[in-house]
Amino acid sequence: MSEEGVVPQPAKTLDCIGLYCPEPVYRTREEISSVPVGQILEVLADDPASESDITSWAKHAGQELLSVERRKDGFRFLIKRKK
């Protein structure tokens, strides 16, 4: 059965609003280990650099970036822990 169209529920939310580079990516790297493998970490950030920083980190760290949502107050990232 396909799960397309189903919004994944994060296991944990990391609020990085008001933090600037390199803090959002640093905290994301630290926090991903507190989420079980296969679960999702939601990251909220308003630093313009966080979009490229977290996208790049996820790729290099072997984690799955499920989505990047641009919001009026910043970004919402959904990252699935792969390892």
PDB file of N, CA and C in Angstrom:
ATOM      1  N   MET A   1       0.842  -1.184   0.000  1.00  0.00           N
ATOM      2  CA  MET A   1       0.000   0.000   0.000  1.00  0.00           C
ATOM      3  C   MET A   1       0.886   1.245   0.000  1.00  0.00           C
ATOM      4  N   SER A   2       0.606   2.175  -0.887  1.00  0.00           N
ATOM      5  CA  SER A   2       1.409   3.385  -1.017  1.00  0.00           C
ATOM      6  C   SER A   2       1.103   4.367   0.095  1.00  0.00           C
ATOM      7  N   GLU A   3       2.151   5.049   0.567  1.00  0.00           N
ATOM      8  CA  GLU A   3       1.961   6.069   1.589  1.00  0.00           C
ATOM      9  C   GLU A   3       2.043   7.466   0.983  1.00  0.00           C
ATOM     10  N   GLU A   4       1.989   7.543  -0.357  1.00  0.00           N
ATOM     11  CA  GLU A   4       2.051   8.841  -1.015  1.00  0.00           C
ATOM     12  C   GLU A   4       0.906   9.712  -0.547  1.00  0.00           C
ATOM     13  N   GLY A   5       1.209  10.968  -0.330  1.00  0.00           N
ATOM     14  CA  GLY A   5       0.175  11.885   0.124  1.00  0.00           C
ATOM     15  C   GLY A   5       0.011  11.907   1.633  1.00  0.00           C
ATOM     16  N   VAL A   6       0.621  10.943   2.316  1.00  0.00           N
ATOM     17  CA  VAL A   6       0.548  10.902   3.771  1.00  0.00           C
ATOM     18  C   VAL A   6       1.668  11.774   4.330  1.00  0.00           C
ATOM     19  N   VAL A   7       1.308  12.685   5.222  1.00  0.00           N
ATOM     20  CA  VAL A   7       2.313  13.554   5.828  1.00  0.00           C
ATOM     21  C   VAL A   7       2.982  12.790   6.966  1.00  0.00           C
ATOM     22  N   PRO A   8       4.310  12.586   6.873  1.00  0.00           N
ATOM     23  CA  PRO A   8       4.996  11.853   7.936  1.00  0.00           C
ATOM     24  C   PRO A   8       4.989  12.634   9.249  1.00  0.00           C
ATOM     25  N   GLN A   9       4.808  11.921  10.329  1.00  0.00           N
ATOM     26  CA  GLN A   9       4.796  12.544  11.650  1.00  0.00           C
ATOM     27  C   GLN A   9       6.191  12.470  12.261  1.00  0.00           C
ATOM     28  N   PRO A  10       6.750  13.631  12.623  1.00  0.00           N
ATOM     29  CA  PRO A  10       8.081  13.608  13.229  1.00  0.00           C
ATOM     30  C   PRO A  10       8.062  12.998  14.627  1.00  0.00           C
ATOM     31  N   ALA A  11       9.145  12.288  14.944  1.00  0.00           N
ATOM     32  CA  ALA A  11       9.301  11.734  16.282  1.00  0.00           C
ATOM     33  C   ALA A  11       9.712  12.832  17.257  1.00  0.00           C
ATOM     34  N   LYS A  12      10.359  13.872  16.728  1.00  0.00           N
ATOM     35  CA  LYS A  12      10.886  14.937  17.573  1.00  0.00           C
ATOM     36  C   LYS A  12      10.995  16.217  16.755  1.00  0.00           C
ATOM     37  N   THR A  13      10.839  17.365  17.427  1.00  0.00           N
ATOM     38  CA  THR A  13      11.001  18.660  16.773  1.00  0.00           C
ATOM     39  C   THR A  13      12.164  19.404  17.412  1.00  0.00           C
ATOM     40  N   LEU A  14      13.026  19.947  16.561  1.00  0.00           N
ATOM     41  CA  LEU A  14      14.158  20.753  17.000  1.00  0.00           C
ATOM     42  C   LEU A  14      13.894  22.186  16.552  1.00  0.00           C
ATOM     43  N   ASP A  15      13.761  23.095  17.511  1.00  0.00           N
ATOM     44  CA  ASP A  15      13.473  24.499  17.215  1.00  0.00           C
ATOM     45  C   ASP A  15      14.771  25.305  17.199  1.00  0.00           C
ATOM     46  N   CYS A  16      15.167  25.727  15.997  1.00  0.00           N
ATOM     47  CA  CYS A  16      16.389  26.530  15.841  1.00  0.00           C
ATOM     48  C   CYS A  16      16.055  27.965  15.428  1.00  0.00           C
ATOM     49  N   ILE A  17      14.813  28.378  15.635  1.00  0.00           N
ATOM     50  CA  ILE A  17      14.413  29.742  15.294  1.00  0.00           C
ATOM     51  C   ILE A  17      15.245  30.721  16.132  1.00  0.00           C
ATOM     52  N   GLY A  18      15.818  31.714  15.457  1.00  0.00           N
ATOM     53  CA  GLY A  18      16.632  32.715  16.146  1.00  0.00           C
ATOM     54  C   GLY A  18      18.104  32.353  16.239  1.00  0.00           C
ATOM     55  N   LEU A  19      18.466  31.160  15.785  1.00  0.00           N
ATOM     56  CA  LEU A  19      19.871  30.733  15.809  1.00  0.00           C
ATOM     57  C   LEU A  19      20.478  30.891  14.422  1.00  0.00           C
ATOM     58  N   TYR A  20      21.752  31.245  14.380  1.00  0.00           N
ATOM     59  CA  TYR A  20      22.405  31.477  13.101  1.00  0.00           C
ATOM     60  C   TYR A  20      23.599  30.566  12.917  1.00  0.00           C
ATOM     61  N   CYS A  21      23.997  30.413  11.669  1.00  0.00           N
ATOM     62  CA  CYS A  21      25.075  29.544  11.243  1.00  0.00           C
ATOM     63  C   CYS A  21      26.282  29.683  12.187  1.00  0.00           C
ATOM     64  N   PRO A  22      26.823  28.572  12.634  1.00  0.00           N
ATOM     65  CA  PRO A  22      26.555  27.188  12.243  1.00  0.00           C
ATOM     66  C   PRO A  22      25.610  26.457  13.201  1.00  0.00           C
ATOM     67  N   GLU A  23      24.967  27.190  14.101  1.00  0.00           N
ATOM     68  CA  GLU A  23      24.182  26.561  15.170  1.00  0.00           C
ATOM     69  C   GLU A  23      23.064  25.618  14.681  1.00  0.00           C
ATOM     70  N   PRO A  24      22.216  25.987  13.694  1.00  0.00           N
ATOM     71  CA  PRO A  24      21.152  25.048  13.280  1.00  0.00           C
ATOM     72  C   PRO A  24      21.682  23.702  12.778  1.00  0.00           C
ATOM     73  N   VAL A  25      22.712  23.729  11.943  1.00  0.00           N
ATOM     74  CA  VAL A  25      23.241  22.461  11.426  1.00  0.00           C
ATOM     75  C   VAL A  25      23.968  21.687  12.528  1.00  0.00           C
ATOM     76  N   TYR A  26      24.650  22.384  13.416  1.00  0.00           N
ATOM     77  CA  TYR A  26      25.333  21.730  14.533  1.00  0.00           C
ATOM     78  C   TYR A  26      24.317  21.015  15.432  1.00  0.00           C
ATOM     79  N   ARG A  27      23.248  21.715  15.778  1.00  0.00           N
ATOM     80  CA  ARG A  27      22.225  21.117  16.651  1.00  0.00           C
ATOM     81  C   ARG A  27      21.491  19.980  15.958  1.00  0.00           C
ATOM     82  N   THR A  28      21.267  20.113  14.651  1.00  0.00           N
ATOM     83  CA  THR A  28      20.623  19.033  13.890  1.00  0.00           C
ATOM     84  C   THR A  28      21.489  17.790  13.933  1.00  0.00           C
ATOM     85  N   ARG A  29      22.781  17.971  13.733  1.00  0.00           N
ATOM     86  CA  ARG A  29      23.726  16.839  13.767  1.00  0.00           C
ATOM     87  C   ARG A  29      23.703  16.153  15.133  1.00  0.00           C
ATOM     88  N   GLU A  30      23.645  16.946  16.196  1.00  0.00           N
ATOM     89  CA  GLU A  30      23.600  16.387  17.551  1.00  0.00           C
ATOM     90  C   GLU A  30      22.261  15.688  17.824  1.00  0.00           C
ATOM     91  N   GLU A  31      21.184  16.293  17.383  1.00  0.00           N
ATOM     92  CA  GLU A  31      19.837  15.827  17.726  1.00  0.00           C
ATOM     93  C   GLU A  31      19.399  14.583  16.952  1.00  0.00           C
ATOM     94  N   ILE A  32      19.926  14.391  15.729  1.00  0.00           N
ATOM     95  CA  ILE A  32      19.484  13.254  14.914  1.00  0.00           C
ATOM     96  C   ILE A  32      19.741  11.925  15.637  1.00  0.00           C
ATOM     97  N   SER A  33      20.773  11.870  16.467  1.00  0.00           N
ATOM     98  CA  SER A  33      21.096  10.620  17.169  1.00  0.00           C
ATOM     99  C   SER A  33      20.086  10.299  18.275  1.00  0.00           C
ATOM    100  N   SER A  34      19.261  11.264  18.659  1.00  0.00           N
ATOM    101  CA  SER A  34      18.262  11.007  19.701  1.00  0.00           C
ATOM    102  C   SER A  34      16.954  10.467  19.128  1.00  0.00           C
ATOM    103  N   VAL A  35      16.892  10.380  17.796  1.00  0.00           N
ATOM    104  CA  VAL A  35      15.701   9.869  17.117  1.00  0.00           C
ATOM    105  C   VAL A  35      16.026   8.448  16.654  1.00  0.00           C
ATOM    106  N   PRO A  36      15.124   7.480  16.872  1.00  0.00           N
ATOM    107  CA  PRO A  36      15.405   6.112  16.420  1.00  0.00           C
ATOM    108  C   PRO A  36      15.587   6.031  14.896  1.00  0.00           C
ATOM    109  N   VAL A  37      16.425   5.105  14.430  1.00  0.00           N
ATOM    110  CA  VAL A  37      16.617   4.884  12.998  1.00  0.00           C
ATOM    111  C   VAL A  37      15.248   4.615  12.365  1.00  0.00           C
ATOM    112  N   GLY A  38      15.003   5.280  11.243  1.00  0.00           N
ATOM    113  CA  GLY A  38      13.721   5.131  10.550  1.00  0.00           C
ATOM    114  C   GLY A  38      12.701   6.185  10.946  1.00  0.00           C
ATOM    115  N   GLN A  39      12.987   6.918  12.014  1.00  0.00           N
ATOM    116  CA  GLN A  39      12.067   7.963  12.467  1.00  0.00           C
ATOM    117  C   GLN A  39      12.488   9.321  11.905  1.00  0.00           C
ATOM    118  N   ILE A  40      11.637  10.320  12.118  1.00  0.00           N
ATOM    119  CA  ILE A  40      11.832  11.633  11.497  1.00  0.00           C
ATOM    120  C   ILE A  40      12.087  12.710  12.535  1.00  0.00           C
ATOM    121  N   LEU A  41      13.090  13.548  12.228  1.00  0.00           N
ATOM    122  CA  LEU A  41      13.382  14.732  13.019  1.00  0.00           C
ATOM    123  C   LEU A  41      12.880  15.937  12.236  1.00  0.00           C
ATOM    124  N   GLU A  42      12.047  16.742  12.871  1.00  0.00           N
ATOM    125  CA  GLU A  42      11.584  17.990  12.272  1.00  0.00           C
ATOM    126  C   GLU A  42      12.484  19.104  12.792  1.00  0.00           C
ATOM    127  N   VAL A  43      13.011  19.931  11.880  1.00  0.00           N
ATOM    128  CA  VAL A  43      13.865  21.049  12.262  1.00  0.00           C
ATOM    129  C   VAL A  43      13.223  22.339  11.760  1.00  0.00           C
ATOM    130  N   LEU A  44      13.063  23.293  12.671  1.00  0.00           N
ATOM    131  CA  LEU A  44      12.537  24.610  12.329  1.00  0.00           C
ATOM    132  C   LEU A  44      13.684  25.605  12.444  1.00  0.00           C
ATOM    133  N   ALA A  45      13.898  26.402  11.406  1.00  0.00           N
ATOM    134  CA  ALA A  45      15.001  27.366  11.406  1.00  0.00           C
ATOM    135  C   ALA A  45      14.620  28.591  10.588  1.00  0.00           C
ATOM    136  N   ASP A  46      15.172  29.742  10.969  1.00  0.00           N
ATOM    137  CA  ASP A  46      14.906  30.956  10.197  1.00  0.00           C
ATOM    138  C   ASP A  46      16.173  31.601   9.645  1.00  0.00           C
ATOM    139  N   ASP A  47      17.312  30.953   9.840  1.00  0.00           N
ATOM    140  CA  ASP A  47      18.565  31.440   9.265  1.00  0.00           C
ATOM    141  C   ASP A  47      18.540  31.119   7.763  1.00  0.00           C
ATOM    142  N   PRO A  48      18.681  32.139   6.885  1.00  0.00           N
ATOM    143  CA  PRO A  48      18.666  31.874   5.440  1.00  0.00           C
ATOM    144  C   PRO A  48      19.697  30.826   5.002  1.00  0.00           C
ATOM    145  N   ALA A  49      20.830  30.749   5.690  1.00  0.00           N
ATOM    146  CA  ALA A  49      21.876  29.778   5.339  1.00  0.00           C
ATOM    147  C   ALA A  49      21.497  28.354   5.711  1.00  0.00           C
ATOM    148  N   SER A  50      20.505  28.186   6.575  1.00  0.00           N
ATOM    149  CA  SER A  50      20.155  26.835   7.036  1.00  0.00           C
ATOM    150  C   SER A  50      19.641  25.956   5.907  1.00  0.00           C
ATOM    151  N   GLU A  51      19.010  26.545   4.896  1.00  0.00           N
ATOM    152  CA  GLU A  51      18.505  25.729   3.788  1.00  0.00           C
ATOM    153  C   GLU A  51      19.636  24.976   3.103  1.00  0.00           C
ATOM    154  N   SER A  52      20.691  25.675   2.726  1.00  0.00           N
ATOM    155  CA  SER A  52      21.808  24.997   2.060  1.00  0.00           C
ATOM    156  C   SER A  52      22.635  24.180   3.051  1.00  0.00           C
ATOM    157  N   ASP A  53      22.806  24.691   4.273  1.00  0.00           N
ATOM    158  CA  ASP A  53      23.624  23.993   5.276  1.00  0.00           C
ATOM    159  C   ASP A  53      23.027  22.641   5.655  1.00  0.00           C
ATOM    160  N   ILE A  54      21.746  22.617   5.974  1.00  0.00           N
ATOM    161  CA  ILE A  54      21.112  21.364   6.425  1.00  0.00           C
ATOM    162  C   ILE A  54      20.949  20.394   5.262  1.00  0.00           C
ATOM    163  N   THR A  55      20.645  20.918   4.065  1.00  0.00           N
ATOM    164  CA  THR A  55      20.547  20.058   2.885  1.00  0.00           C
ATOM    165  C   THR A  55      21.886  19.371   2.615  1.00  0.00           C
ATOM    166  N   SER A  56      22.958  20.138   2.666  1.00  0.00           N
ATOM    167  CA  SER A  56      24.298  19.597   2.429  1.00  0.00           C
ATOM    168  C   SER A  56      24.695  18.620   3.525  1.00  0.00           C
ATOM    169  N   TRP A  57      24.424  18.970   4.783  1.00  0.00           N
ATOM    170  CA  TRP A  57      24.777  18.086   5.895  1.00  0.00           C
ATOM    171  C   TRP A  57      24.070  16.741   5.758  1.00  0.00           C
ATOM    172  N   ALA A  58      22.755  16.767   5.455  1.00  0.00           N
ATOM    173  CA  ALA A  58      21.982  15.517   5.361  1.00  0.00           C
ATOM    174  C   ALA A  58      22.579  14.592   4.301  1.00  0.00           C
ATOM    175  N   LYS A  59      22.946  15.157   3.164  1.00  0.00           N
ATOM    176  CA  LYS A  59      23.534  14.371   2.086  1.00  0.00           C
ATOM    177  C   LYS A  59      24.853  13.739   2.532  1.00  0.00           C
ATOM    178  N   HIS A  60      25.732  14.525   3.132  1.00  0.00           N
ATOM    179  CA  HIS A  60      27.042  14.028   3.554  1.00  0.00           C
ATOM    180  C   HIS A  60      26.959  13.086   4.755  1.00  0.00           C
ATOM    181  N   ALA A  61      25.940  13.261   5.592  1.00  0.00           N
ATOM    182  CA  ALA A  61      25.802  12.425   6.789  1.00  0.00           C
ATOM    183  C   ALA A  61      25.046  11.133   6.504  1.00  0.00           C
ATOM    184  N   GLY A  62      24.529  10.988   5.287  1.00  0.00           N
ATOM    185  CA  GLY A  62      23.804   9.773   4.939  1.00  0.00           C
ATOM    186  C   GLY A  62      22.403   9.717   5.518  1.00  0.00           C
ATOM    187  N   GLN A  63      21.842  10.883   5.825  1.00  0.00           N
ATOM    188  CA  GLN A  63      20.466  10.950   6.327  1.00  0.00           C
ATOM    189  C   GLN A  63      19.559  11.348   5.164  1.00  0.00           C
ATOM    190  N   GLU A  64      18.270  11.019   5.253  1.00  0.00           N
ATOM    191  CA  GLU A  64      17.346  11.291   4.157  1.00  0.00           C
ATOM    192  C   GLU A  64      16.549  12.562   4.433  1.00  0.00           C
ATOM    193  N   LEU A  65      16.768  13.583   3.618  1.00  0.00           N
ATOM    194  CA  LEU A  65      16.011  14.828   3.723  1.00  0.00           C
ATOM    195  C   LEU A  65      14.708  14.619   2.965  1.00  0.00           C
ATOM    196  N   LEU A  66      13.617  14.452   3.712  1.00  0.00           N
ATOM    197  CA  LEU A  66      12.322  14.175   3.098  1.00  0.00           C
ATOM    198  C   LEU A  66      11.703  15.420   2.477  1.00  0.00           C
ATOM    199  N   SER A  67      11.862  16.561   3.154  1.00  0.00           N
ATOM    200  CA  SER A  67      11.293  17.791   2.606  1.00  0.00           C
ATOM    201  C   SER A  67      11.931  19.019   3.218  1.00  0.00           C
ATOM    202  N   VAL A  68      11.891  20.092   2.430  1.00  0.00           N
ATOM    203  CA  VAL A  68      12.282  21.424   2.884  1.00  0.00           C
ATOM    204  C   VAL A  68      11.099  22.308   2.531  1.00  0.00           C
ATOM    205  N   GLU A  69      10.475  22.852   3.544  1.00  0.00           N
ATOM    206  CA  GLU A  69       9.307  23.702   3.335  1.00  0.00           C
ATOM    207  C   GLU A  69       9.667  25.140   3.694  1.00  0.00           C
ATOM    208  N   ARG A  70       9.494  26.034   2.720  1.00  0.00           N
ATOM    209  CA  ARG A  70       9.724  27.455   2.992  1.00  0.00           C
ATOM    210  C   ARG A  70       8.455  28.031   3.584  1.00  0.00           C
ATOM    211  N   ARG A  71       8.602  28.679   4.709  1.00  0.00           N
ATOM    212  CA  ARG A  71       7.475  29.311   5.393  1.00  0.00           C
ATOM    213  C   ARG A  71       7.763  30.793   5.535  1.00  0.00           C
ATOM    214  N   LYS A  72       6.736  31.561   5.873  1.00  0.00           N
ATOM    215  CA  LYS A  72       6.960  33.006   6.024  1.00  0.00           C
ATOM    216  C   LYS A  72       7.924  33.307   7.166  1.00  0.00           C
ATOM    217  N   ASP A  73       7.988  32.422   8.158  1.00  0.00           N
ATOM    218  CA  ASP A  73       8.872  32.641   9.307  1.00  0.00           C
ATOM    219  C   ASP A  73      10.162  31.832   9.237  1.00  0.00           C
ATOM    220  N   GLY A  74      10.440  31.193   8.095  1.00  0.00           N
ATOM    221  CA  GLY A  74      11.676  30.427   7.965  1.00  0.00           C
ATOM    222  C   GLY A  74      11.492  29.138   7.197  1.00  0.00           C
ATOM    223  N   PHE A  75      12.102  28.075   7.690  1.00  0.00           N
ATOM    224  CA  PHE A  75      12.094  26.783   7.008  1.00  0.00           C
ATOM    225  C   PHE A  75      11.658  25.676   7.960  1.00  0.00           C
ATOM    226  N   ARG A  76      11.095  24.624   7.356  1.00  0.00           N
ATOM    227  CA  ARG A  76      10.772  23.401   8.095  1.00  0.00           C
ATOM    228  C   ARG A  76      11.399  22.249   7.315  1.00  0.00           C
ATOM    229  N   PHE A  77      12.293  21.535   7.984  1.00  0.00           N
ATOM    230  CA  PHE A  77      12.970  20.383   7.387  1.00  0.00           C
ATOM    231  C   PHE A  77      12.444  19.112   8.035  1.00  0.00           C
ATOM    232  N   LEU A  78      12.231  18.082   7.230  1.00  0.00           N
ATOM    233  CA  LEU A  78      11.910  16.761   7.752  1.00  0.00           C
ATOM    234  C   LEU A  78      13.043  15.843   7.323  1.00  0.00           C
ATOM    235  N   ILE A  79      13.740  15.290   8.326  1.00  0.00           N
ATOM    236  CA  ILE A  79      14.917  14.462   8.079  1.00  0.00           C
ATOM    237  C   ILE A  79      14.678  13.085   8.675  1.00  0.00           C
ATOM    238  N   LYS A  80      14.778  12.068   7.818  1.00  0.00           N
ATOM    239  CA  LYS A  80      14.613  10.673   8.276  1.00  0.00           C
ATOM    240  C   LYS A  80      15.983  10.114   8.633  1.00  0.00           C
ATOM    241  N   ARG A  81      16.089   9.598   9.837  1.00  0.00           N
ATOM    242  CA  ARG A  81      17.362   9.007  10.267  1.00  0.00           C
ATOM    243  C   ARG A  81      17.550   7.676   9.569  1.00  0.00           C
ATOM    244  N   LYS A  82      18.649   7.544   8.839  1.00  0.00           N
ATOM    245  CA  LYS A  82      18.946   6.337   8.073  1.00  0.00           C
ATOM    246  C   LYS A  82      19.956   5.443   8.775  1.00  0.00           C
ATOM    247  N   LYS A  83      20.781   6.019   9.663  1.00  0.00           N
ATOM    248  CA  LYS A  83      21.808   5.195  10.331  1.00  0.00           C
ATOM    249  C   LYS A  83      22.132   5.770  11.679  1.00  0.00           C
TER     250      LYS A  83
END
